[in-house]
Amino acid sequence: VLVVDDSPINRKLMRVHLQGWIIEEAENGLQGLNMARDAAIPYHAILMDINMPVMNGLDASQAIRRLPVYQRTPILGVSANAMNADDRWMECGMTA
């Protein structure tokens, strides 16, 4: 599972909830995109923060969806602004 979030605390929290899974972490959307693209074995799921520096989660998700091996991979949006979700989340290719 690839966890993409600029907050070390949020990444730690996701690691705790995903105990038993192999977790790799990225600190921004561009790093997450590069890790997804360069992975020897595609990730089974991606947890993506929305608001990050360098490249936000919406743009990163859209770019990851353009990679053939990730067209059906679950990309789950995680954000402190979850209650303010809008259609952009699904339009960029996030699963939820």
PDB file of N, CA and C in Angstrom:
ATOM      1  N   VAL A   1       0.854  -1.171   0.000  1.00  0.00           N
ATOM      2  CA  VAL A   1       0.000   0.000   0.000  1.00  0.00           C
ATOM      3  C   VAL A   1       0.898   1.232   0.000  1.00  0.00           C
ATOM      4  N   LEU A   2       0.586   2.179  -0.858  1.00  0.00           N
ATOM      5  CA  LEU A   2       1.307   3.446  -0.884  1.00  0.00           C
ATOM      6  C   LEU A   2       0.482   4.490  -0.138  1.00  0.00           C
ATOM      7  N   VAL A   3       1.102   5.120   0.851  1.00  0.00           N
ATOM      8  CA  VAL A   3       0.475   6.185   1.624  1.00  0.00           C
ATOM      9  C   VAL A   3       1.141   7.493   1.221  1.00  0.00           C
ATOM     10  N   VAL A   4       0.354   8.440   0.713  1.00  0.00           N
ATOM     11  CA  VAL A   4       0.879   9.723   0.255  1.00  0.00           C
ATOM     12  C   VAL A   4       0.255  10.824   1.101  1.00  0.00           C
ATOM     13  N   ASP A   5       1.070  11.443   1.955  1.00  0.00           N
ATOM     14  CA  ASP A   5       0.569  12.491   2.849  1.00  0.00           C
ATOM     15  C   ASP A   5       1.760  13.321   3.314  1.00  0.00           C
ATOM     16  N   ASP A   6       1.611  14.622   3.345  1.00  0.00           N
ATOM     17  CA  ASP A   6       2.709  15.488   3.771  1.00  0.00           C
ATOM     18  C   ASP A   6       2.859  15.555   5.288  1.00  0.00           C
ATOM     19  N   SER A   7       1.905  15.045   6.027  1.00  0.00           N
ATOM     20  CA  SER A   7       1.947  15.093   7.486  1.00  0.00           C
ATOM     21  C   SER A   7       2.532  13.795   8.056  1.00  0.00           C
ATOM     22  N   PRO A   8       3.668  13.880   8.745  1.00  0.00           N
ATOM     23  CA  PRO A   8       4.237  12.676   9.368  1.00  0.00           C
ATOM     24  C   PRO A   8       3.272  12.022  10.365  1.00  0.00           C
ATOM     25  N   ILE A   9       2.501  12.832  11.061  1.00  0.00           N
ATOM     26  CA  ILE A   9       1.545  12.288  12.033  1.00  0.00           C
ATOM     27  C   ILE A   9       0.461  11.481  11.322  1.00  0.00           C
ATOM     28  N   ASN A  10      -0.050  12.003  10.212  1.00  0.00           N
ATOM     29  CA  ASN A  10      -1.075  11.272   9.461  1.00  0.00           C
ATOM     30  C   ASN A  10      -0.517   9.978   8.876  1.00  0.00           C
ATOM     31  N   ARG A  11       0.723  10.019   8.378  1.00  0.00           N
ATOM     32  CA  ARG A  11       1.337   8.800   7.840  1.00  0.00           C
ATOM     33  C   ARG A  11       1.493   7.755   8.940  1.00  0.00           C
ATOM     34  N   LYS A  12       1.892   8.194  10.123  1.00  0.00           N
ATOM     35  CA  LYS A  12       2.034   7.267  11.248  1.00  0.00           C
ATOM     36  C   LYS A  12       0.677   6.658  11.605  1.00  0.00           C
ATOM     37  N   LEU A  13      -0.354   7.477  11.643  1.00  0.00           N
ATOM     38  CA  LEU A  13      -1.693   6.991  11.957  1.00  0.00           C
ATOM     39  C   LEU A  13      -2.148   5.939  10.938  1.00  0.00           C
ATOM     40  N   MET A  14      -1.882   6.191   9.669  1.00  0.00           N
ATOM     41  CA  MET A  14      -2.270   5.217   8.640  1.00  0.00           C
ATOM     42  C   MET A  14      -1.469   3.929   8.776  1.00  0.00           C
ATOM     43  N   ARG A  15      -0.179   4.034   9.136  1.00  0.00           N
ATOM     44  CA  ARG A  15       0.624   2.824   9.374  1.00  0.00           C
ATOM     45  C   ARG A  15       0.012   1.979  10.486  1.00  0.00           C
ATOM     46  N   VAL A  16      -0.429   2.646  11.554  1.00  0.00           N
ATOM     47  CA  VAL A  16      -1.039   1.938  12.682  1.00  0.00           C
ATOM     48  C   VAL A  16      -2.294   1.195  12.222  1.00  0.00           C
ATOM     49  N   HIS A  17      -3.121   1.853  11.432  1.00  0.00           N
ATOM     50  CA  HIS A  17      -4.373   1.240  10.968  1.00  0.00           C
ATOM     51  C   HIS A  17      -4.138   0.150   9.927  1.00  0.00           C
ATOM     52  N   LEU A  18      -2.994   0.181   9.284  1.00  0.00           N
ATOM     53  CA  LEU A  18      -2.706  -0.796   8.226  1.00  0.00           C
ATOM     54  C   LEU A  18      -1.670  -1.822   8.667  1.00  0.00           C
ATOM     55  N   GLN A  19      -1.582  -2.060   9.972  1.00  0.00           N
ATOM     56  CA  GLN A  19      -0.638  -3.063  10.470  1.00  0.00           C
ATOM     57  C   GLN A  19      -0.891  -4.393   9.773  1.00  0.00           C
ATOM     58  N   GLY A  20       0.196  -5.050   9.408  1.00  0.00           N
ATOM     59  CA  GLY A  20       0.084  -6.322   8.707  1.00  0.00           C
ATOM     60  C   GLY A  20       0.247  -6.158   7.203  1.00  0.00           C
ATOM     61  N   TRP A  21       0.130  -4.941   6.705  1.00  0.00           N
ATOM     62  CA  TRP A  21       0.328  -4.646   5.282  1.00  0.00           C
ATOM     63  C   TRP A  21       1.732  -4.096   5.079  1.00  0.00           C
ATOM     64  N   ILE A  22       2.276  -4.276   3.905  1.00  0.00           N
ATOM     65  CA  ILE A  22       3.537  -3.637   3.548  1.00  0.00           C
ATOM     66  C   ILE A  22       3.198  -2.217   3.104  1.00  0.00           C
ATOM     67  N   ILE A  23       3.767  -1.234   3.806  1.00  0.00           N
ATOM     68  CA  ILE A  23       3.452   0.172   3.577  1.00  0.00           C
ATOM     69  C   ILE A  23       4.695   0.896   3.062  1.00  0.00           C
ATOM     70  N   GLU A  24       4.521   1.690   2.032  1.00  0.00           N
ATOM     71  CA  GLU A  24       5.549   2.619   1.593  1.00  0.00           C
ATOM     72  C   GLU A  24       4.941   4.008   1.649  1.00  0.00           C
ATOM     73  N   GLU A  25       5.774   5.018   1.909  1.00  0.00           N
ATOM     74  CA  GLU A  25       5.269   6.363   2.150  1.00  0.00           C
ATOM     75  C   GLU A  25       5.892   7.382   1.212  1.00  0.00           C
ATOM     76  N   ALA A  26       5.073   8.354   0.831  1.00  0.00           N
ATOM     77  CA  ALA A  26       5.524   9.507   0.062  1.00  0.00           C
ATOM     78  C   ALA A  26       5.040  10.767   0.769  1.00  0.00           C
ATOM     79  N   GLU A  27       5.833  11.838   0.683  1.00  0.00           N
ATOM     80  CA  GLU A  27       5.520  13.082   1.386  1.00  0.00           C
ATOM     81  C   GLU A  27       4.770  14.101   0.541  1.00  0.00           C
ATOM     82  N   ASN A  28       4.621  13.833  -0.754  1.00  0.00           N
ATOM     83  CA  ASN A  28       3.845  14.734  -1.609  1.00  0.00           C
ATOM     84  C   ASN A  28       3.399  13.978  -2.848  1.00  0.00           C
ATOM     85  N   GLY A  29       2.526  14.584  -3.615  1.00  0.00           N
ATOM     86  CA  GLY A  29       1.949  13.906  -4.768  1.00  0.00           C
ATOM     87  C   GLY A  29       2.963  13.541  -5.835  1.00  0.00           C
ATOM     88  N   LEU A  30       3.945  14.397  -6.073  1.00  0.00           N
ATOM     89  CA  LEU A  30       4.953  14.092  -7.084  1.00  0.00           C
ATOM     90  C   LEU A  30       5.798  12.895  -6.676  1.00  0.00           C
ATOM     91  N   GLN A  31       6.184  12.858  -5.412  1.00  0.00           N
ATOM     92  CA  GLN A  31       6.943  11.707  -4.919  1.00  0.00           C
ATOM     93  C   GLN A  31       6.087  10.442  -5.020  1.00  0.00           C
ATOM     94  N   GLY A  32       4.808  10.525  -4.686  1.00  0.00           N
ATOM     95  CA  GLY A  32       3.912   9.380  -4.799  1.00  0.00           C
ATOM     96  C   GLY A  32       3.772   8.900  -6.234  1.00  0.00           C
ATOM     97  N   LEU A  33       3.628   9.845  -7.158  1.00  0.00           N
ATOM     98  CA  LEU A  33       3.544   9.498  -8.574  1.00  0.00           C
ATOM     99  C   LEU A  33       4.803   8.783  -9.030  1.00  0.00           C
ATOM    100  N   ASN A  34       5.957   9.320  -8.668  1.00  0.00           N
ATOM    101  CA  ASN A  34       7.219   8.692  -9.059  1.00  0.00           C
ATOM    102  C   ASN A  34       7.369   7.298  -8.457  1.00  0.00           C
ATOM    103  N   MET A  35       6.966   7.146  -7.201  1.00  0.00           N
ATOM    104  CA  MET A  35       7.055   5.829  -6.564  1.00  0.00           C
ATOM    105  C   MET A  35       6.118   4.838  -7.237  1.00  0.00           C
ATOM    106  N   ALA A  36       4.913   5.263  -7.571  1.00  0.00           N
ATOM    107  CA  ALA A  36       3.966   4.377  -8.260  1.00  0.00           C
ATOM    108  C   ALA A  36       4.516   3.979  -9.618  1.00  0.00           C
ATOM    109  N   ARG A  37       5.023   4.943 -10.353  1.00  0.00           N
ATOM    110  CA  ARG A  37       5.550   4.679 -11.691  1.00  0.00           C
ATOM    111  C   ARG A  37       6.749   3.730 -11.640  1.00  0.00           C
ATOM    112  N   ASP A  38       7.614   3.894 -10.650  1.00  0.00           N
ATOM    113  CA  ASP A  38       8.864   3.135 -10.583  1.00  0.00           C
ATOM    114  C   ASP A  38       8.764   1.838  -9.794  1.00  0.00           C
ATOM    115  N   ALA A  39       7.610   1.536  -9.213  1.00  0.00           N
ATOM    116  CA  ALA A  39       7.472   0.335  -8.380  1.00  0.00           C
ATOM    117  C   ALA A  39       7.671  -0.929  -9.210  1.00  0.00           C
ATOM    118  N   ALA A  40       8.512  -1.828  -8.709  1.00  0.00           N
ATOM    119  CA  ALA A  40       8.738  -3.103  -9.394  1.00  0.00           C
ATOM    120  C   ALA A  40       7.456  -3.941  -9.409  1.00  0.00           C
ATOM    121  N   ILE A  41       6.706  -3.876  -8.324  1.00  0.00           N
ATOM    122  CA  ILE A  41       5.402  -4.534  -8.215  1.00  0.00           C
ATOM    123  C   ILE A  41       4.384  -3.428  -7.933  1.00  0.00           C
ATOM    124  N   PRO A  42       3.344  -3.287  -8.761  1.00  0.00           N
ATOM    125  CA  PRO A  42       2.365  -2.213  -8.542  1.00  0.00           C
ATOM    126  C   PRO A  42       1.718  -2.307  -7.156  1.00  0.00           C
ATOM    127  N   TYR A  43       1.422  -1.160  -6.587  1.00  0.00           N
ATOM    128  CA  TYR A  43       0.748  -1.123  -5.287  1.00  0.00           C
ATOM    129  C   TYR A  43      -0.668  -1.655  -5.429  1.00  0.00           C
ATOM    130  N   HIS A  44      -1.139  -2.329  -4.385  1.00  0.00           N
ATOM    131  CA  HIS A  44      -2.502  -2.868  -4.389  1.00  0.00           C
ATOM    132  C   HIS A  44      -3.540  -1.789  -4.073  1.00  0.00           C
ATOM    133  N   ALA A  45      -3.101  -0.739  -3.383  1.00  0.00           N
ATOM    134  CA  ALA A  45      -3.994   0.371  -3.040  1.00  0.00           C
ATOM    135  C   ALA A  45      -3.135   1.593  -2.745  1.00  0.00           C
ATOM    136  N   ILE A  46      -3.745   2.765  -2.897  1.00  0.00           N
ATOM    137  CA  ILE A  46      -3.054   4.027  -2.628  1.00  0.00           C
ATOM    138  C   ILE A  46      -3.968   4.887  -1.772  1.00  0.00           C
ATOM    139  N   LEU A  47      -3.432   5.371  -0.642  1.00  0.00           N
ATOM    140  CA  LEU A  47      -4.145   6.336   0.199  1.00  0.00           C
ATOM    141  C   LEU A  47      -3.525   7.689  -0.077  1.00  0.00           C
ATOM    142  N   MET A  48      -4.332   8.632  -0.538  1.00  0.00           N
ATOM    143  CA  MET A  48      -3.825   9.895  -1.064  1.00  0.00           C
ATOM    144  C   MET A  48      -4.438  11.086  -0.329  1.00  0.00           C
ATOM    145  N   ASP A  49      -3.575  11.882   0.312  1.00  0.00           N
ATOM    146  CA  ASP A  49      -4.015  13.151   0.886  1.00  0.00           C
ATOM    147  C   ASP A  49      -4.386  14.083  -0.270  1.00  0.00           C
ATOM    148  N   ILE A  50      -5.199  15.061  -0.008  1.00  0.00           N
ATOM    149  CA  ILE A  50      -5.636  15.985  -1.050  1.00  0.00           C
ATOM    150  C   ILE A  50      -4.744  17.229  -1.105  1.00  0.00           C
ATOM    151  N   ASN A  51      -4.551  17.864   0.026  1.00  0.00           N
ATOM    152  CA  ASN A  51      -3.808  19.126   0.078  1.00  0.00           C
ATOM    153  C   ASN A  51      -2.366  18.870   0.488  1.00  0.00           C
ATOM    154  N   MET A  52      -1.459  18.943  -0.499  1.00  0.00           N
ATOM    155  CA  MET A  52      -0.031  18.723  -0.246  1.00  0.00           C
ATOM    156  C   MET A  52       0.783  19.701  -1.079  1.00  0.00           C
ATOM    157  N   PRO A  53       2.003  19.983  -0.632  1.00  0.00           N
ATOM    158  CA  PRO A  53       2.890  20.824  -1.437  1.00  0.00           C
ATOM    159  C   PRO A  53       3.438  20.049  -2.637  1.00  0.00           C
ATOM    160  N   VAL A  54       4.056  20.727  -3.535  1.00  0.00           N
ATOM    161  CA  VAL A  54       4.707  20.209  -4.737  1.00  0.00           C
ATOM    162  C   VAL A  54       3.678  19.742  -5.760  1.00  0.00           C
ATOM    163  N   MET A  55       2.884  18.724  -5.439  1.00  0.00           N
ATOM    164  CA  MET A  55       1.784  18.259  -6.293  1.00  0.00           C
ATOM    165  C   MET A  55       0.660  17.790  -5.381  1.00  0.00           C
ATOM    166  N   ASN A  56      -0.539  18.318  -5.575  1.00  0.00           N
ATOM    167  CA  ASN A  56      -1.652  17.929  -4.708  1.00  0.00           C
ATOM    168  C   ASN A  56      -2.164  16.529  -5.073  1.00  0.00           C
ATOM    169  N   GLY A  57      -3.001  15.997  -4.205  1.00  0.00           N
ATOM    170  CA  GLY A  57      -3.506  14.645  -4.390  1.00  0.00           C
ATOM    171  C   GLY A  57      -4.406  14.477  -5.601  1.00  0.00           C
ATOM    172  N   LEU A  58      -5.126  15.517  -5.978  1.00  0.00           N
ATOM    173  CA  LEU A  58      -5.994  15.427  -7.154  1.00  0.00           C
ATOM    174  C   LEU A  58      -5.158  15.254  -8.417  1.00  0.00           C
ATOM    175  N   ASP A  59      -4.129  16.084  -8.573  1.00  0.00           N
ATOM    176  CA  ASP A  59      -3.272  15.991  -9.754  1.00  0.00           C
ATOM    177  C   ASP A  59      -2.479  14.687  -9.760  1.00  0.00           C
ATOM    178  N   ALA A  60      -2.000  14.275  -8.590  1.00  0.00           N
ATOM    179  CA  ALA A  60      -1.238  13.025  -8.503  1.00  0.00           C
ATOM    180  C   ALA A  60      -2.119  11.827  -8.857  1.00  0.00           C
ATOM    181  N   SER A  61      -3.346  11.815  -8.354  1.00  0.00           N
ATOM    182  CA  SER A  61      -4.265  10.705  -8.659  1.00  0.00           C
ATOM    183  C   SER A  61      -4.561  10.626 -10.148  1.00  0.00           C
ATOM    184  N   GLN A  62      -4.779  11.774 -10.754  1.00  0.00           N
ATOM    185  CA  GLN A  62      -5.059  11.818 -12.186  1.00  0.00           C
ATOM    186  C   GLN A  62      -3.859  11.282 -12.981  1.00  0.00           C
ATOM    187  N   ALA A  63      -2.651  11.667 -12.591  1.00  0.00           N
ATOM    188  CA  ALA A  63      -1.450  11.194 -13.276  1.00  0.00           C
ATOM    189  C   ALA A  63      -1.236   9.699 -13.054  1.00  0.00           C
ATOM    190  N   ILE A  64      -1.502   9.213 -11.858  1.00  0.00           N
ATOM    191  CA  ILE A  64      -1.353   7.787 -11.571  1.00  0.00           C
ATOM    192  C   ILE A  64      -2.361   6.980 -12.393  1.00  0.00           C
ATOM    193  N   ARG A  65      -3.569   7.485 -12.534  1.00  0.00           N
ATOM    194  CA  ARG A  65      -4.593   6.787 -13.334  1.00  0.00           C
ATOM    195  C   ARG A  65      -4.174   6.643 -14.797  1.00  0.00           C
ATOM    196  N   ARG A  66      -3.331   7.529 -15.281  1.00  0.00           N
ATOM    197  CA  ARG A  66      -2.866   7.434 -16.666  1.00  0.00           C
ATOM    198  C   ARG A  66      -1.835   6.316 -16.854  1.00  0.00           C
ATOM    199  N   LEU A  67      -1.292   5.789 -15.755  1.00  0.00           N
ATOM    200  CA  LEU A  67      -0.358   4.669 -15.842  1.00  0.00           C
ATOM    201  C   LEU A  67      -1.178   3.388 -16.013  1.00  0.00           C
ATOM    202  N   PRO A  68      -0.942   2.609 -17.068  1.00  0.00           N
ATOM    203  CA  PRO A  68      -1.789   1.443 -17.360  1.00  0.00           C
ATOM    204  C   PRO A  68      -1.985   0.475 -16.196  1.00  0.00           C
ATOM    205  N   VAL A  69      -0.963   0.241 -15.379  1.00  0.00           N
ATOM    206  CA  VAL A  69      -1.105  -0.743 -14.292  1.00  0.00           C
ATOM    207  C   VAL A  69      -1.957  -0.237 -13.138  1.00  0.00           C
ATOM    208  N   TYR A  70      -2.300   1.057 -13.125  1.00  0.00           N
ATOM    209  CA  TYR A  70      -3.083   1.620 -12.025  1.00  0.00           C
ATOM    210  C   TYR A  70      -4.484   2.051 -12.434  1.00  0.00           C
ATOM    211  N   GLN A  71      -4.963   1.603 -13.561  1.00  0.00           N
ATOM    212  CA  GLN A  71      -6.285   2.031 -14.004  1.00  0.00           C
ATOM    213  C   GLN A  71      -7.406   1.489 -13.126  1.00  0.00           C
ATOM    214  N   ARG A  72      -7.174   0.372 -12.443  1.00  0.00           N
ATOM    215  CA  ARG A  72      -8.213  -0.210 -11.580  1.00  0.00           C
ATOM    216  C   ARG A  72      -7.814  -0.257 -10.105  1.00  0.00           C
ATOM    217  N   THR A  73      -6.662   0.259  -9.775  1.00  0.00           N
ATOM    218  CA  THR A  73      -6.184   0.254  -8.390  1.00  0.00           C
ATOM    219  C   THR A  73      -7.002   1.224  -7.545  1.00  0.00           C
ATOM    220  N   PRO A  74      -7.461   0.802  -6.372  1.00  0.00           N
ATOM    221  CA  PRO A  74      -8.177   1.742  -5.500  1.00  0.00           C
ATOM    222  C   PRO A  74      -7.260   2.888  -5.067  1.00  0.00           C
ATOM    223  N   ILE A  75      -7.713   4.110  -5.275  1.00  0.00           N
ATOM    224  CA  ILE A  75      -7.040   5.298  -4.766  1.00  0.00           C
ATOM    225  C   ILE A  75      -8.037   5.965  -3.825  1.00  0.00           C
ATOM    226  N   LEU A  76      -7.722   5.942  -2.543  1.00  0.00           N
ATOM    227  CA  LEU A  76      -8.633   6.457  -1.534  1.00  0.00           C
ATOM    228  C   LEU A  76      -8.180   7.827  -1.079  1.00  0.00           C
ATOM    229  N   GLY A  77      -9.022   8.818  -1.245  1.00  0.00           N
ATOM    230  CA  GLY A  77      -8.718  10.175  -0.818  1.00  0.00           C
ATOM    231  C   GLY A  77      -8.854  10.305   0.684  1.00  0.00           C
ATOM    232  N   VAL A  78      -7.833  10.856   1.318  1.00  0.00           N
ATOM    233  CA  VAL A  78      -7.874  11.119   2.759  1.00  0.00           C
ATOM    234  C   VAL A  78      -7.548  12.582   2.969  1.00  0.00           C
ATOM    235  N   SER A  79      -8.369  13.253   3.785  1.00  0.00           N
ATOM    236  CA  SER A  79      -8.172  14.679   3.977  1.00  0.00           C
ATOM    237  C   SER A  79      -8.905  15.160   5.218  1.00  0.00           C
ATOM    238  N   ALA A  80      -8.361  16.187   5.832  1.00  0.00           N
ATOM    239  CA  ALA A  80      -9.064  16.824   6.947  1.00  0.00           C
ATOM    240  C   ALA A  80     -10.328  17.509   6.451  1.00  0.00           C
ATOM    241  N   ASN A  81     -10.414  17.742   5.141  1.00  0.00           N
ATOM    242  CA  ASN A  81     -11.571  18.408   4.552  1.00  0.00           C
ATOM    243  C   ASN A  81     -12.542  17.420   3.918  1.00  0.00           C
ATOM    244  N   ALA A  82     -12.607  16.211   4.444  1.00  0.00           N
ATOM    245  CA  ALA A  82     -13.442  15.171   3.846  1.00  0.00           C
ATOM    246  C   ALA A  82     -14.913  15.570   3.754  1.00  0.00           C
ATOM    247  N   MET A  83     -15.386  16.357   4.690  1.00  0.00           N
ATOM    248  CA  MET A  83     -16.792  16.754   4.658  1.00  0.00           C
ATOM    249  C   MET A  83     -17.071  17.736   3.517  1.00  0.00           C
ATOM    250  N   ASN A  84     -16.015  18.322   2.974  1.00  0.00           N
ATOM    251  CA  ASN A  84     -16.174  19.275   1.883  1.00  0.00           C
ATOM    252  C   ASN A  84     -15.853  18.643   0.534  1.00  0.00           C
ATOM    253  N   ALA A  85     -15.922  17.322   0.464  1.00  0.00           N
ATOM    254  CA  ALA A  85     -15.601  16.630  -0.785  1.00  0.00           C
ATOM    255  C   ALA A  85     -16.529  17.106  -1.897  1.00  0.00           C
ATOM    256  N   ASP A  86     -15.968  17.172  -3.089  1.00  0.00           N
ATOM    257  CA  ASP A  86     -16.784  17.563  -4.230  1.00  0.00           C
ATOM    258  C   ASP A  86     -16.484  16.617  -5.387  1.00  0.00           C
ATOM    259  N   ASP A  87     -17.053  16.895  -6.537  1.00  0.00           N
ATOM    260  CA  ASP A  87     -16.922  15.999  -7.682  1.00  0.00           C
ATOM    261  C   ASP A  87     -15.489  15.852  -8.183  1.00  0.00           C
ATOM    262  N   ARG A  88     -14.607  16.799  -7.849  1.00  0.00           N
ATOM    263  CA  ARG A  88     -13.221  16.707  -8.318  1.00  0.00           C
ATOM    264  C   ARG A  88     -12.549  15.436  -7.842  1.00  0.00           C
ATOM    265  N   TRP A  89     -12.928  14.920  -6.666  1.00  0.00           N
ATOM    266  CA  TRP A  89     -12.325  13.713  -6.137  1.00  0.00           C
ATOM    267  C   TRP A  89     -12.531  12.555  -7.101  1.00  0.00           C
ATOM    268  N   MET A  90     -13.733  12.371  -7.564  1.00  0.00           N
ATOM    269  CA  MET A  90     -14.035  11.263  -8.469  1.00  0.00           C
ATOM    270  C   MET A  90     -13.568  11.556  -9.892  1.00  0.00           C
ATOM    271  N   GLU A  91     -13.640  12.809 -10.291  1.00  0.00           N
ATOM    272  CA  GLU A  91     -13.212  13.175 -11.646  1.00  0.00           C
ATOM    273  C   GLU A  91     -11.721  12.937 -11.849  1.00  0.00           C
ATOM    274  N   CYS A  92     -10.916  13.050 -10.804  1.00  0.00           N
ATOM    275  CA  CYS A  92      -9.472  12.865 -10.942  1.00  0.00           C
ATOM    276  C   CYS A  92      -9.093  11.399 -10.899  1.00  0.00           C
ATOM    277  N   GLY A  93     -10.040  10.523 -10.604  1.00  0.00           N
ATOM    278  CA  GLY A  93      -9.763   9.090 -10.619  1.00  0.00           C
ATOM    279  C   GLY A  93      -9.725   8.440  -9.258  1.00  0.00           C
ATOM    280  N   MET A  94     -10.038   9.175  -8.188  1.00  0.00           N
ATOM    281  CA  MET A  94     -10.068   8.553  -6.874  1.00  0.00           C
ATOM    282  C   MET A  94     -11.268   7.626  -6.781  1.00  0.00           C
ATOM    283  N   THR A  95     -11.067   6.526  -6.073  1.00  0.00           N
ATOM    284  CA  THR A  95     -12.121   5.543  -5.886  1.00  0.00           C
ATOM    285  C   THR A  95     -13.113   6.012  -4.837  1.00  0.00           C
ATOM    286  N   ALA A  96     -12.580   6.611  -3.772  1.00  0.00           N
ATOM    287  CA  ALA A  96     -13.422   7.095  -2.677  1.00  0.00           C
ATOM    288  C   ALA A  96     -12.710   8.190  -1.932  1.00  0.00           C
TER     289      ALA A  96
END
